[in-house]
PDB file of all heavy atoms in Angstrom:
ATOM      1  N   GLU A   1     -31.888 -91.233  51.682  1.00  0.00           N
ATOM      2  CA  GLU A   1     -31.355 -92.117  52.714  1.00  0.00           C
ATOM      3  C   GLU A   1     -31.692 -91.605  54.108  1.00  0.00           C
ATOM      4  O   GLU A   1     -31.953 -92.388  55.025  1.00  0.00           O
ATOM      5  CB  GLU A   1     -29.843 -92.268  52.554  1.00  0.00           C
ATOM      6  CG  GLU A   1     -29.259 -93.381  53.409  1.00  0.00           C
ATOM      7  CD  GLU A   1     -27.806 -93.660  53.103  1.00  0.00           C
ATOM      8  OE1 GLU A   1     -27.246 -93.000  52.215  1.00  0.00           O
ATOM      9  OE2 GLU A   1     -27.233 -94.533  53.778  1.00  0.00           O
ATOM     10  N   TYR A   2     -31.695 -90.281  54.261  1.00  0.00           N
ATOM     11  CA  TYR A   2     -32.093 -89.690  55.542  1.00  0.00           C
ATOM     12  C   TYR A   2     -33.510 -90.139  55.903  1.00  0.00           C
ATOM     13  O   TYR A   2     -33.771 -90.585  57.025  1.00  0.00           O
ATOM     14  CB  TYR A   2     -32.031 -88.167  55.444  1.00  0.00           C
ATOM     15  CG  TYR A   2     -32.416 -87.419  56.704  1.00  0.00           C
ATOM     16  CD1 TYR A   2     -31.443 -86.870  57.531  1.00  0.00           C
ATOM     17  CD2 TYR A   2     -33.761 -87.253  57.064  1.00  0.00           C
ATOM     18  CE1 TYR A   2     -31.791 -86.175  58.685  1.00  0.00           C
ATOM     19  CE2 TYR A   2     -34.113 -86.577  58.215  1.00  0.00           C
ATOM     20  CZ  TYR A   2     -33.129 -86.038  59.020  1.00  0.00           C
ATOM     21  OH  TYR A   2     -33.481 -85.360  60.165  1.00  0.00           O
ATOM     22  N   THR A   3     -34.429 -90.034  54.950  1.00  0.00           N
ATOM     23  CA  THR A   3     -35.828 -90.404  55.196  1.00  0.00           C
ATOM     24  C   THR A   3     -35.953 -91.887  55.530  1.00  0.00           C
ATOM     25  O   THR A   3     -36.712 -92.277  56.423  1.00  0.00           O
ATOM     26  CB  THR A   3     -36.685 -90.061  53.973  1.00  0.00           C
ATOM     27  OG1 THR A   3     -36.613 -88.651  53.723  1.00  0.00           O
ATOM     28  CG2 THR A   3     -38.140 -90.449  54.204  1.00  0.00           C
ATOM     29  N   ALA A   4     -35.177 -92.717  54.833  1.00  0.00           N
ATOM     30  CA  ALA A   4     -35.233 -94.158  55.095  1.00  0.00           C
ATOM     31  C   ALA A   4     -34.773 -94.480  56.517  1.00  0.00           C
ATOM     32  O   ALA A   4     -35.408 -95.279  57.220  1.00  0.00           O
ATOM     33  CB  ALA A   4     -34.380 -94.899  54.078  1.00  0.00           C
ATOM     34  N   LEU A   5     -33.689 -93.846  56.952  1.00  0.00           N
ATOM     35  CA  LEU A   5     -33.199 -94.080  58.310  1.00  0.00           C
ATOM     36  C   LEU A   5     -34.179 -93.540  59.346  1.00  0.00           C
ATOM     37  O   LEU A   5     -34.386 -94.144  60.405  1.00  0.00           O
ATOM     38  CB  LEU A   5     -31.823 -93.434  58.490  1.00  0.00           C
ATOM     39  CG  LEU A   5     -30.672 -94.065  57.704  1.00  0.00           C
ATOM     40  CD1 LEU A   5     -29.401 -93.237  57.864  1.00  0.00           C
ATOM     41  CD2 LEU A   5     -30.431 -95.501  58.151  1.00  0.00           C
ATOM     42  N   LEU A   6     -34.777 -92.402  59.041  1.00  0.00           N
ATOM     43  CA  LEU A   6     -35.749 -91.806  59.951  1.00  0.00           C
ATOM     44  C   LEU A   6     -36.950 -92.734  60.133  1.00  0.00           C
ATOM     45  O   LEU A   6     -37.373 -93.012  61.261  1.00  0.00           O
ATOM     46  CB  LEU A   6     -36.198 -90.450  59.399  1.00  0.00           C
ATOM     47  CG  LEU A   6     -37.205 -89.658  60.225  1.00  0.00           C
ATOM     48  CD1 LEU A   6     -36.600 -89.222  61.550  1.00  0.00           C
ATOM     49  CD2 LEU A   6     -37.688 -88.439  59.442  1.00  0.00           C
ATOM     50  N   GLU A   7     -37.477 -93.221  59.028  1.00  0.00           N
ATOM     51  CA  GLU A   7     -38.658 -94.083  59.094  1.00  0.00           C
ATOM     52  C   GLU A   7     -38.339 -95.428  59.740  1.00  0.00           C
ATOM     53  O   GLU A   7     -39.199 -96.030  60.379  1.00  0.00           O
ATOM     54  CB  GLU A   7     -39.230 -94.279  57.690  1.00  0.00           C
ATOM     55  CG  GLU A   7     -39.817 -92.999  57.107  1.00  0.00           C
ATOM     56  CD  GLU A   7     -40.358 -93.187  55.707  1.00  0.00           C
ATOM     57  OE1 GLU A   7     -40.038 -94.230  55.084  1.00  0.00           O
ATOM     58  OE2 GLU A   7     -41.081 -92.297  55.232  1.00  0.00           O
ATOM     59  N   ALA A   8     -37.093 -95.879  59.609  1.00  0.00           N
ATOM     60  CA  ALA A   8     -36.694 -97.146  60.215  1.00  0.00           C
ATOM     61  C   ALA A   8     -36.341 -96.993  61.689  1.00  0.00           C
ATOM     62  O   ALA A   8     -36.136 -97.993  62.378  1.00  0.00           O
ATOM     63  CB  ALA A   8     -35.512 -97.724  59.454  1.00  0.00           C
ATOM     64  N   GLY A   9     -36.255 -95.743  62.167  1.00  0.00           N
ATOM     65  CA  GLY A   9     -35.844 -95.512  63.550  1.00  0.00           C
ATOM     66  C   GLY A   9     -34.385 -95.840  63.779  1.00  0.00           C
ATOM     67  O   GLY A   9     -33.988 -96.162  64.904  1.00  0.00           O
ATOM     68  N   ALA A  10     -33.565 -95.745  62.730  1.00  0.00           N
ATOM     69  CA  ALA A  10     -32.149 -96.101  62.824  1.00  0.00           C
ATOM     70  C   ALA A  10     -31.305 -94.888  63.204  1.00  0.00           C
ATOM     71  O   ALA A  10     -30.371 -94.513  62.499  1.00  0.00           O
ATOM     72  CB  ALA A  10     -31.673 -96.695  61.502  1.00  0.00           C
ATOM     73  N   PHE A  11     -31.636 -94.256  64.306  1.00  0.00           N
ATOM     74  CA  PHE A  11     -30.930 -93.083  64.802  1.00  0.00           C
ATOM     75  C   PHE A  11     -31.301 -92.903  66.268  1.00  0.00           C
ATOM     76  O   PHE A  11     -32.228 -93.547  66.775  1.00  0.00           O
ATOM     77  CB  PHE A  11     -31.318 -91.832  63.995  1.00  0.00           C
ATOM     78  CG  PHE A  11     -32.736 -91.380  64.249  1.00  0.00           C
ATOM     79  CD1 PHE A  11     -32.994 -90.327  65.105  1.00  0.00           C
ATOM     80  CD2 PHE A  11     -33.810 -92.036  63.658  1.00  0.00           C
ATOM     81  CE1 PHE A  11     -34.298 -89.931  65.368  1.00  0.00           C
ATOM     82  CE2 PHE A  11     -35.116 -91.645  63.912  1.00  0.00           C
ATOM     83  CZ  PHE A  11     -35.359 -90.583  64.771  1.00  0.00           C
ATOM     84  N   ASP A  12     -30.586 -92.009  66.949  1.00  0.00           N
ATOM     85  CA  ASP A  12     -30.904 -91.688  68.339  1.00  0.00           C
ATOM     86  C   ASP A  12     -31.204 -90.206  68.521  1.00  0.00           C
ATOM     87  O   ASP A  12     -32.045 -89.843  69.342  1.00  0.00           O
ATOM     88  CB  ASP A  12     -29.732 -92.082  69.252  1.00  0.00           C
ATOM     89  CG  ASP A  12     -29.391 -93.557  69.145  1.00  0.00           C
ATOM     90  OD1 ASP A  12     -30.270 -94.381  69.487  1.00  0.00           O
ATOM     91  OD2 ASP A  12     -28.275 -93.888  68.695  1.00  0.00           O
ATOM     92  N   LEU A  13     -30.500 -89.373  67.761  1.00  0.00           N
ATOM     93  CA  LEU A  13     -30.651 -87.919  67.838  1.00  0.00           C
ATOM     94  C   LEU A  13     -30.803 -87.373  66.429  1.00  0.00           C
ATOM     95  O   LEU A  13     -30.292 -87.960  65.466  1.00  0.00           O
ATOM     96  CB  LEU A  13     -29.410 -87.266  68.466  1.00  0.00           C
ATOM     97  CG  LEU A  13     -28.922 -87.741  69.823  1.00  0.00           C
ATOM     98  CD1 LEU A  13     -27.469 -87.302  70.022  1.00  0.00           C
ATOM     99  CD2 LEU A  13     -29.792 -87.175  70.923  1.00  0.00           C
ATOM    100  N   ARG A  14     -31.456 -86.240  66.316  1.00  0.00           N
ATOM    101  CA  ARG A  14     -31.424 -85.516  65.049  1.00  0.00           C
ATOM    102  C   ARG A  14     -31.603 -84.028  65.309  1.00  0.00           C
ATOM    103  O   ARG A  14     -32.062 -83.615  66.385  1.00  0.00           O
ATOM    104  CB  ARG A  14     -32.456 -86.030  64.052  1.00  0.00           C
ATOM    105  CG  ARG A  14     -33.913 -85.837  64.425  1.00  0.00           C
ATOM    106  CD  ARG A  14     -34.782 -86.364  63.290  1.00  0.00           C
ATOM    107  NE  ARG A  14     -36.198 -86.302  63.608  1.00  0.00           N
ATOM    108  CZ  ARG A  14     -37.138 -85.827  62.780  1.00  0.00           C
ATOM    109  NH1 ARG A  14     -36.797 -85.379  61.589  1.00  0.00           N
ATOM    110  NH2 ARG A  14     -38.403 -85.814  63.126  1.00  0.00           N
ATOM    111  N   LEU A  15     -31.239 -83.221  64.335  1.00  0.00           N
ATOM    112  CA  LEU A  15     -31.357 -81.767  64.418  1.00  0.00           C
ATOM    113  C   LEU A  15     -32.601 -81.316  63.671  1.00  0.00           C
ATOM    114  O   LEU A  15     -32.850 -81.740  62.534  1.00  0.00           O
ATOM    115  CB  LEU A  15     -30.110 -81.106  63.816  1.00  0.00           C
ATOM    116  CG  LEU A  15     -28.853 -81.223  64.679  1.00  0.00           C
ATOM    117  CD1 LEU A  15     -27.606 -81.016  63.843  1.00  0.00           C
ATOM    118  CD2 LEU A  15     -28.911 -80.203  65.814  1.00  0.00           C
ATOM    119  N   GLU A  16     -33.392 -80.456  64.335  1.00  0.00           N
ATOM    120  CA  GLU A  16     -34.605 -79.928  63.726  1.00  0.00           C
ATOM    121  C   GLU A  16     -34.707 -78.436  64.033  1.00  0.00           C
ATOM    122  O   GLU A  16     -33.943 -77.908  64.841  1.00  0.00           O
ATOM    123  CB  GLU A  16     -35.835 -80.646  64.278  1.00  0.00           C
ATOM    124  CG  GLU A  16     -35.831 -82.150  64.060  1.00  0.00           C
ATOM    125  CD  GLU A  16     -37.139 -82.772  64.506  1.00  0.00           C
ATOM    126  OE1 GLU A  16     -38.159 -82.557  63.822  1.00  0.00           O
ATOM    127  OE2 GLU A  16     -37.143 -83.449  65.552  1.00  0.00           O
ATOM    128  N   ASN A  17     -35.655 -77.782  63.398  1.00  0.00           N
ATOM    129  CA  ASN A  17     -35.897 -76.379  63.715  1.00  0.00           C
ATOM    130  C   ASN A  17     -37.383 -76.066  63.635  1.00  0.00           C
ATOM    131  O   ASN A  17     -38.130 -76.670  62.855  1.00  0.00           O
ATOM    132  CB  ASN A  17     -35.128 -75.446  62.770  1.00  0.00           C
ATOM    133  CG  ASN A  17     -35.592 -75.548  61.332  1.00  0.00           C
ATOM    134  OD1 ASN A  17     -35.402 -76.568  60.684  1.00  0.00           O
ATOM    135  ND2 ASN A  17     -36.198 -74.490  60.830  1.00  0.00           N
ATOM    136  N   THR A  18     -37.822 -75.153  64.489  1.00  0.00           N
ATOM    137  CA  THR A  18     -39.192 -74.653  64.390  1.00  0.00           C
ATOM    138  C   THR A  18     -39.272 -73.720  63.194  1.00  0.00           C
ATOM    139  O   THR A  18     -38.257 -73.253  62.679  1.00  0.00           O
ATOM    140  CB  THR A  18     -39.612 -73.915  65.666  1.00  0.00           C
ATOM    141  OG1 THR A  18     -38.884 -72.677  65.761  1.00  0.00           O
ATOM    142  CG2 THR A  18     -39.340 -74.747  66.907  1.00  0.00           C
ATOM    143  N   TRP A  19     -40.490 -73.416  62.762  1.00  0.00           N
ATOM    144  CA  TRP A  19     -40.654 -72.616  61.551  1.00  0.00           C
ATOM    145  C   TRP A  19     -40.501 -71.120  61.786  1.00  0.00           C
ATOM    146  O   TRP A  19     -40.306 -70.366  60.861  1.00  0.00           O
ATOM    147  CB  TRP A  19     -42.021 -72.909  60.928  1.00  0.00           C
ATOM    148  CG  TRP A  19     -42.120 -74.309  60.408  1.00  0.00           C
ATOM    149  CD1 TRP A  19     -41.092 -75.173  60.158  1.00  0.00           C
ATOM    150  CD2 TRP A  19     -43.315 -75.007  60.069  1.00  0.00           C
ATOM    151  NE1 TRP A  19     -41.559 -76.367  59.682  1.00  0.00           N
ATOM    152  CE2 TRP A  19     -42.926 -76.298  59.612  1.00  0.00           C
ATOM    153  CE3 TRP A  19     -44.666 -74.689  60.095  1.00  0.00           C
ATOM    154  CZ2 TRP A  19     -43.850 -77.247  59.196  1.00  0.00           C
ATOM    155  CZ3 TRP A  19     -45.586 -75.633  59.680  1.00  0.00           C
ATOM    156  CH2 TRP A  19     -45.185 -76.903  59.238  1.00  0.00           C
ATOM    157  N   GLY A  20     -40.605 -70.679  63.039  1.00  0.00           N
ATOM    158  CA  GLY A  20     -40.497 -69.254  63.336  1.00  0.00           C
ATOM    159  C   GLY A  20     -41.817 -68.526  63.165  1.00  0.00           C
ATOM    160  O   GLY A  20     -42.800 -69.067  62.647  1.00  0.00           O
ATOM    161  N   VAL A  21     -41.843 -67.265  63.612  1.00  0.00           N
ATOM    162  CA  VAL A  21     -43.043 -66.425  63.483  1.00  0.00           C
ATOM    163  C   VAL A  21     -43.268 -66.114  62.002  1.00  0.00           C
ATOM    164  O   VAL A  21     -42.308 -65.818  61.290  1.00  0.00           O
ATOM    165  CB  VAL A  21     -42.844 -65.131  64.298  1.00  0.00           C
ATOM    166  CG1 VAL A  21     -43.971 -64.140  64.047  1.00  0.00           C
ATOM    167  CG2 VAL A  21     -42.726 -65.448  65.784  1.00  0.00           C
ATOM    168  N   PRO A  22     -44.497 -66.215  61.483  1.00  0.00           N
ATOM    169  CA  PRO A  22     -45.784 -66.287  62.183  1.00  0.00           C
ATOM    170  C   PRO A  22     -46.292 -67.690  62.507  1.00  0.00           C
ATOM    171  O   PRO A  22     -47.441 -67.838  62.915  1.00  0.00           O
ATOM    172  CB  PRO A  22     -46.724 -65.606  61.184  1.00  0.00           C
ATOM    173  CG  PRO A  22     -46.169 -66.012  59.847  1.00  0.00           C
ATOM    174  CD  PRO A  22     -44.675 -66.004  60.033  1.00  0.00           C
ATOM    175  N   TYR A  23     -45.487 -68.717  62.325  1.00  0.00           N
ATOM    176  CA  TYR A  23     -45.956 -70.086  62.539  1.00  0.00           C
ATOM    177  C   TYR A  23     -45.757 -70.568  63.975  1.00  0.00           C
ATOM    178  O   TYR A  23     -46.445 -71.485  64.420  1.00  0.00           O
ATOM    179  CB  TYR A  23     -45.232 -71.024  61.580  1.00  0.00           C
ATOM    180  CG  TYR A  23     -45.295 -70.579  60.153  1.00  0.00           C
ATOM    181  CD1 TYR A  23     -44.179 -70.047  59.526  1.00  0.00           C
ATOM    182  CD2 TYR A  23     -46.486 -70.642  59.437  1.00  0.00           C
ATOM    183  CE1 TYR A  23     -44.244 -69.614  58.206  1.00  0.00           C
ATOM    184  CE2 TYR A  23     -46.563 -70.206  58.125  1.00  0.00           C
ATOM    185  CZ  TYR A  23     -45.425 -69.691  57.514  1.00  0.00           C
ATOM    186  OH  TYR A  23     -45.490 -69.259  56.216  1.00  0.00           O
ATOM    187  N   ASP A  24     -44.794 -69.983  64.673  1.00  0.00           N
ATOM    188  CA  ASP A  24     -44.542 -70.375  66.063  1.00  0.00           C
ATOM    189  C   ASP A  24     -45.404 -69.539  67.005  1.00  0.00           C
ATOM    190  O   ASP A  24     -45.638 -68.353  66.725  1.00  0.00           O
ATOM    191  CB  ASP A  24     -43.067 -70.152  66.415  1.00  0.00           C
ATOM    192  CG  ASP A  24     -42.148 -71.214  65.836  1.00  0.00           C
ATOM    193  OD1 ASP A  24     -42.633 -72.048  65.051  1.00  0.00           O
ATOM    194  OD2 ASP A  24     -40.960 -71.197  66.154  1.00  0.00           O
ATOM    195  N   PRO A  25     -45.828 -70.133  68.120  1.00  0.00           N
ATOM    196  CA  PRO A  25     -45.467 -71.482  68.548  1.00  0.00           C
ATOM    197  C   PRO A  25     -46.424 -72.584  68.101  1.00  0.00           C
ATOM    198  O   PRO A  25     -46.007 -73.723  67.933  1.00  0.00           O
ATOM    199  CB  PRO A  25     -45.487 -71.353  70.068  1.00  0.00           C
ATOM    200  CG  PRO A  25     -46.562 -70.340  70.334  1.00  0.00           C
ATOM    201  CD  PRO A  25     -46.474 -69.356  69.196  1.00  0.00           C
ATOM    202  N   LEU A  26     -47.704 -72.274  67.910  1.00  0.00           N
ATOM    203  CA  LEU A  26     -48.691 -73.354  67.826  1.00  0.00           C
ATOM    204  C   LEU A  26     -48.590 -74.163  66.543  1.00  0.00           C
ATOM    205  O   LEU A  26     -48.644 -75.401  66.588  1.00  0.00           O
ATOM    206  CB  LEU A  26     -50.110 -72.796  67.981  1.00  0.00           C
ATOM    207  CG  LEU A  26     -51.207 -73.860  68.095  1.00  0.00           C
ATOM    208  CD1 LEU A  26     -50.997 -74.710  69.341  1.00  0.00           C
ATOM    209  CD2 LEU A  26     -52.582 -73.224  68.133  1.00  0.00           C
ATOM    210  N   ILE A  27     -48.457 -73.497  65.386  1.00  0.00           N
ATOM    211  CA  ILE A  27     -48.462 -74.259  64.133  1.00  0.00           C
ATOM    212  C   ILE A  27     -47.245 -75.174  64.055  1.00  0.00           C
ATOM    213  O   ILE A  27     -47.343 -76.341  63.652  1.00  0.00           O
ATOM    214  CB  ILE A  27     -48.527 -73.300  62.929  1.00  0.00           C
ATOM    215  CG1 ILE A  27     -49.859 -72.543  62.934  1.00  0.00           C
ATOM    216  CG2 ILE A  27     -48.370 -74.062  61.622  1.00  0.00           C
ATOM    217  CD1 ILE A  27     -50.005 -71.535  61.823  1.00  0.00           C
ATOM    218  N   SER A  28     -46.080 -74.664  64.464  1.00  0.00           N
ATOM    219  CA  SER A  28     -44.872 -75.498  64.433  1.00  0.00           C
ATOM    220  C   SER A  28     -45.004 -76.706  65.350  1.00  0.00           C
ATOM    221  O   SER A  28     -44.634 -77.831  64.982  1.00  0.00           O
ATOM    222  CB  SER A  28     -43.648 -74.678  64.857  1.00  0.00           C
ATOM    223  OG  SER A  28     -43.133 -73.938  63.781  1.00  0.00           O
ATOM    224  N   ILE A  29     -45.516 -76.484  66.547  1.00  0.00           N
ATOM    225  CA  ILE A  29     -45.568 -77.592  67.502  1.00  0.00           C
ATOM    226  C   ILE A  29     -46.643 -78.609  67.113  1.00  0.00           C
ATOM    227  O   ILE A  29     -46.484 -79.812  67.338  1.00  0.00           O
ATOM    228  CB  ILE A  29     -45.768 -77.062  68.944  1.00  0.00           C
ATOM    229  CG1 ILE A  29     -45.169 -78.046  69.940  1.00  0.00           C
ATOM    230  CG2 ILE A  29     -47.234 -76.794  69.275  1.00  0.00           C
ATOM    231  CD1 ILE A  29     -45.040 -77.512  71.345  1.00  0.00           C
ATOM    232  N   ARG A  30     -47.724 -78.149  66.493  1.00  0.00           N
ATOM    233  CA  ARG A  30     -48.734 -79.078  65.982  1.00  0.00           C
ATOM    234  C   ARG A  30     -48.156 -79.920  64.839  1.00  0.00           C
ATOM    235  O   ARG A  30     -48.345 -81.145  64.786  1.00  0.00           O
ATOM    236  CB  ARG A  30     -49.964 -78.316  65.493  1.00  0.00           C
ATOM    237  CG  ARG A  30     -50.914 -77.869  66.593  1.00  0.00           C
ATOM    238  CD  ARG A  30     -52.052 -77.020  66.010  1.00  0.00           C
ATOM    239  NE  ARG A  30     -52.683 -77.692  64.880  1.00  0.00           N
ATOM    240  CZ  ARG A  30     -53.666 -78.587  64.997  1.00  0.00           C
ATOM    241  NH1 ARG A  30     -54.121 -78.901  66.213  1.00  0.00           N
ATOM    242  NH2 ARG A  30     -54.192 -79.142  63.943  1.00  0.00           N
ATOM    243  N   ALA A  31     -47.459 -79.250  63.916  1.00  0.00           N
ATOM    244  CA  ALA A  31     -46.909 -79.961  62.763  1.00  0.00           C
ATOM    245  C   ALA A  31     -45.879 -80.999  63.177  1.00  0.00           C
ATOM    246  O   ALA A  31     -45.778 -82.068  62.563  1.00  0.00           O
ATOM    247  CB  ALA A  31     -46.291 -78.955  61.789  1.00  0.00           C
ATOM    248  N   ARG A  32     -45.121 -80.699  64.225  1.00  0.00           N
ATOM    249  CA  ARG A  32     -44.044 -81.604  64.625  1.00  0.00           C
ATOM    250  C   ARG A  32     -44.523 -82.767  65.491  1.00  0.00           C
ATOM    251  O   ARG A  32     -44.051 -83.897  65.339  1.00  0.00           O
ATOM    252  CB  ARG A  32     -42.957 -80.812  65.364  1.00  0.00           C
ATOM    253  CG  ARG A  32     -41.871 -81.666  66.009  1.00  0.00           C
ATOM    254  CD  ARG A  32     -41.169 -82.541  64.969  1.00  0.00           C
ATOM    255  NE  ARG A  32     -40.160 -83.392  65.599  1.00  0.00           N
ATOM    256  CZ  ARG A  32     -40.396 -84.556  66.174  1.00  0.00           C
ATOM    257  NH1 ARG A  32     -41.647 -85.029  66.212  1.00  0.00           N
ATOM    258  NH2 ARG A  32     -39.420 -85.267  66.695  1.00  0.00           N
ATOM    259  N   PHE A  33     -45.462 -82.522  66.378  1.00  0.00           N
ATOM    260  CA  PHE A  33     -45.762 -83.530  67.399  1.00  0.00           C
ATOM    261  C   PHE A  33     -47.152 -84.149  67.297  1.00  0.00           C
ATOM    262  O   PHE A  33     -47.446 -85.086  68.035  1.00  0.00           O
ATOM    263  CB  PHE A  33     -45.584 -82.934  68.794  1.00  0.00           C
ATOM    264  CG  PHE A  33     -44.157 -82.580  69.114  1.00  0.00           C
ATOM    265  CD1 PHE A  33     -43.755 -81.260  69.182  1.00  0.00           C
ATOM    266  CD2 PHE A  33     -43.219 -83.577  69.343  1.00  0.00           C
ATOM    267  CE1 PHE A  33     -42.442 -80.926  69.474  1.00  0.00           C
ATOM    268  CE2 PHE A  33     -41.897 -83.256  69.634  1.00  0.00           C
ATOM    269  CZ  PHE A  33     -41.502 -81.927  69.696  1.00  0.00           C
ATOM    270  N   LEU A  34     -48.016 -83.652  66.426  1.00  0.00           N
ATOM    271  CA  LEU A  34     -49.335 -84.267  66.270  1.00  0.00           C
ATOM    272  C   LEU A  34     -49.363 -85.124  65.018  1.00  0.00           C
ATOM    273  O   LEU A  34     -48.615 -84.882  64.066  1.00  0.00           O
ATOM    274  CB  LEU A  34     -50.420 -83.198  66.183  1.00  0.00           C
ATOM    275  CG  LEU A  34     -50.714 -82.390  67.452  1.00  0.00           C
ATOM    276  CD1 LEU A  34     -51.955 -81.519  67.233  1.00  0.00           C
ATOM    277  CD2 LEU A  34     -50.920 -83.285  68.669  1.00  0.00           C
ATOM    278  N   PRO A  35     -50.226 -86.137  64.973  1.00  0.00           N
ATOM    279  CA  PRO A  35     -50.325 -86.959  63.764  1.00  0.00           C
ATOM    280  C   PRO A  35     -50.859 -86.144  62.594  1.00  0.00           C
ATOM    281  O   PRO A  35     -51.633 -85.203  62.772  1.00  0.00           O
ATOM    282  CB  PRO A  35     -51.298 -88.072  64.176  1.00  0.00           C
ATOM    283  CG  PRO A  35     -52.077 -87.501  65.314  1.00  0.00           C
ATOM    284  CD  PRO A  35     -51.127 -86.596  66.036  1.00  0.00           C
ATOM    285  N   ALA A  36     -50.414 -86.497  61.410  1.00  0.00           N
ATOM    286  CA  ALA A  36     -50.958 -85.869  60.209  1.00  0.00           C
ATOM    287  C   ALA A  36     -52.427 -86.231  60.076  1.00  0.00           C
ATOM    288  O   ALA A  36     -52.876 -87.252  60.598  1.00  0.00           O
ATOM    289  CB  ALA A  36     -50.171 -86.345  58.989  1.00  0.00           C
ATOM    290  N   PRO A  37     -53.227 -85.405  59.373  1.00  0.00           N
ATOM    291  CA  PRO A  37     -54.680 -85.664  59.287  1.00  0.00           C
ATOM    292  C   PRO A  37     -55.020 -87.054  58.783  1.00  0.00           C
ATOM    293  O   PRO A  37     -56.008 -87.646  59.200  1.00  0.00           O
ATOM    294  CB  PRO A  37     -55.157 -84.588  58.309  1.00  0.00           C
ATOM    295  CG  PRO A  37     -54.162 -83.483  58.452  1.00  0.00           C
ATOM    296  CD  PRO A  37     -52.846 -84.159  58.706  1.00  0.00           C
ATOM    297  N   GLU A  38     -54.171 -87.596  57.884  1.00  0.00           N
ATOM    298  CA  GLU A  38     -54.494 -88.915  57.337  1.00  0.00           C
ATOM    299  C   GLU A  38     -53.949 -90.045  58.187  1.00  0.00           C
ATOM    300  O   GLU A  38     -54.148 -91.215  57.865  1.00  0.00           O
ATOM    301  CB  GLU A  38     -53.933 -89.034  55.913  1.00  0.00           C
ATOM    302  CG  GLU A  38     -52.409 -88.998  55.818  1.00  0.00           C
ATOM    303  CD  GLU A  38     -51.855 -87.582  55.756  1.00  0.00           C
ATOM    304  OE1 GLU A  38     -52.636 -86.638  55.989  1.00  0.00           O
ATOM    305  OE2 GLU A  38     -50.645 -87.433  55.480  1.00  0.00           O
ATOM    306  N   SER A  39     -53.254 -89.701  59.291  1.00  0.00           N
ATOM    307  CA  SER A  39     -52.672 -90.728  60.149  1.00  0.00           C
ATOM    308  C   SER A  39     -53.558 -90.987  61.362  1.00  0.00           C
ATOM    309  O   SER A  39     -54.323 -90.132  61.778  1.00  0.00           O
ATOM    310  CB  SER A  39     -51.276 -90.294  60.612  1.00  0.00           C
ATOM    311  OG  SER A  39     -50.435 -90.068  59.510  1.00  0.00           O
ATOM    312  N   THR A  40     -53.411 -92.166  61.927  1.00  0.00           N
ATOM    313  CA  THR A  40     -54.183 -92.500  63.124  1.00  0.00           C
ATOM    314  C   THR A  40     -53.386 -92.279  64.392  1.00  0.00           C
ATOM    315  O   THR A  40     -53.945 -92.239  65.472  1.00  0.00           O
ATOM    316  CB  THR A  40     -54.642 -93.965  63.071  1.00  0.00           C
ATOM    317  OG1 THR A  40     -53.491 -94.812  62.935  1.00  0.00           O
ATOM    318  CG2 THR A  40     -55.564 -94.190  61.882  1.00  0.00           C
ATOM    319  N   SER A  41     -52.074 -92.149  64.263  1.00  0.00           N
ATOM    320  CA  SER A  41     -51.242 -91.934  65.437  1.00  0.00           C
ATOM    321  C   SER A  41     -49.973 -91.215  65.033  1.00  0.00           C
ATOM    322  O   SER A  41     -49.600 -91.194  63.864  1.00  0.00           O
ATOM    323  CB  SER A  41     -50.893 -93.265  66.112  1.00  0.00           C
ATOM    324  OG  SER A  41     -50.059 -94.031  65.259  1.00  0.00           O
ATOM    325  N   VAL A  42     -49.290 -90.627  66.024  1.00  0.00           N
ATOM    326  CA  VAL A  42     -48.054 -89.905  65.728  1.00  0.00           C
ATOM    327  C   VAL A  42     -46.999 -90.798  65.071  1.00  0.00           C
ATOM    328  O   VAL A  42     -46.358 -90.382  64.107  1.00  0.00           O
ATOM    329  CB  VAL A  42     -47.507 -89.245  67.006  1.00  0.00           C
ATOM    330  CG1 VAL A  42     -46.131 -88.652  66.763  1.00  0.00           C
ATOM    331  CG2 VAL A  42     -48.459 -88.151  67.485  1.00  0.00           C
ATOM    332  N   PRO A  43     -46.767 -92.022  65.540  1.00  0.00           N
ATOM    333  CA  PRO A  43     -45.743 -92.842  64.893  1.00  0.00           C
ATOM    334  C   PRO A  43     -45.995 -93.105  63.410  1.00  0.00           C
ATOM    335  O   PRO A  43     -45.064 -93.377  62.659  1.00  0.00           O
ATOM    336  CB  PRO A  43     -45.772 -94.144  65.695  1.00  0.00           C
ATOM    337  CG  PRO A  43     -46.277 -93.743  67.039  1.00  0.00           C
ATOM    338  CD  PRO A  43     -47.295 -92.660  66.761  1.00  0.00           C
ATOM    339  N   ASP A  44     -47.261 -93.012  62.967  1.00  0.00           N
ATOM    340  CA  ASP A  44     -47.549 -93.231  61.563  1.00  0.00           C
ATOM    341  C   ASP A  44     -46.887 -92.208  60.658  1.00  0.00           C
ATOM    342  O   ASP A  44     -46.771 -92.409  59.449  1.00  0.00           O
ATOM    343  CB  ASP A  44     -49.069 -93.201  61.313  1.00  0.00           C
ATOM    344  CG  ASP A  44     -49.752 -94.443  61.845  1.00  0.00           C
ATOM    345  OD1 ASP A  44     -49.049 -95.423  62.116  1.00  0.00           O
ATOM    346  OD2 ASP A  44     -50.990 -94.427  61.971  1.00  0.00           O
TER     347      ASP A  44
END
């Protein structure tokens, strides 16, 4: 249900966390804010 609400945009705020070292900062920020390789845009 969380995923369904997330994909529907039926929320305003949510709690997230970075992955920490050795993944921070670049890998975490890429994973969170860039489109996935198979996507054409971030909203996808």
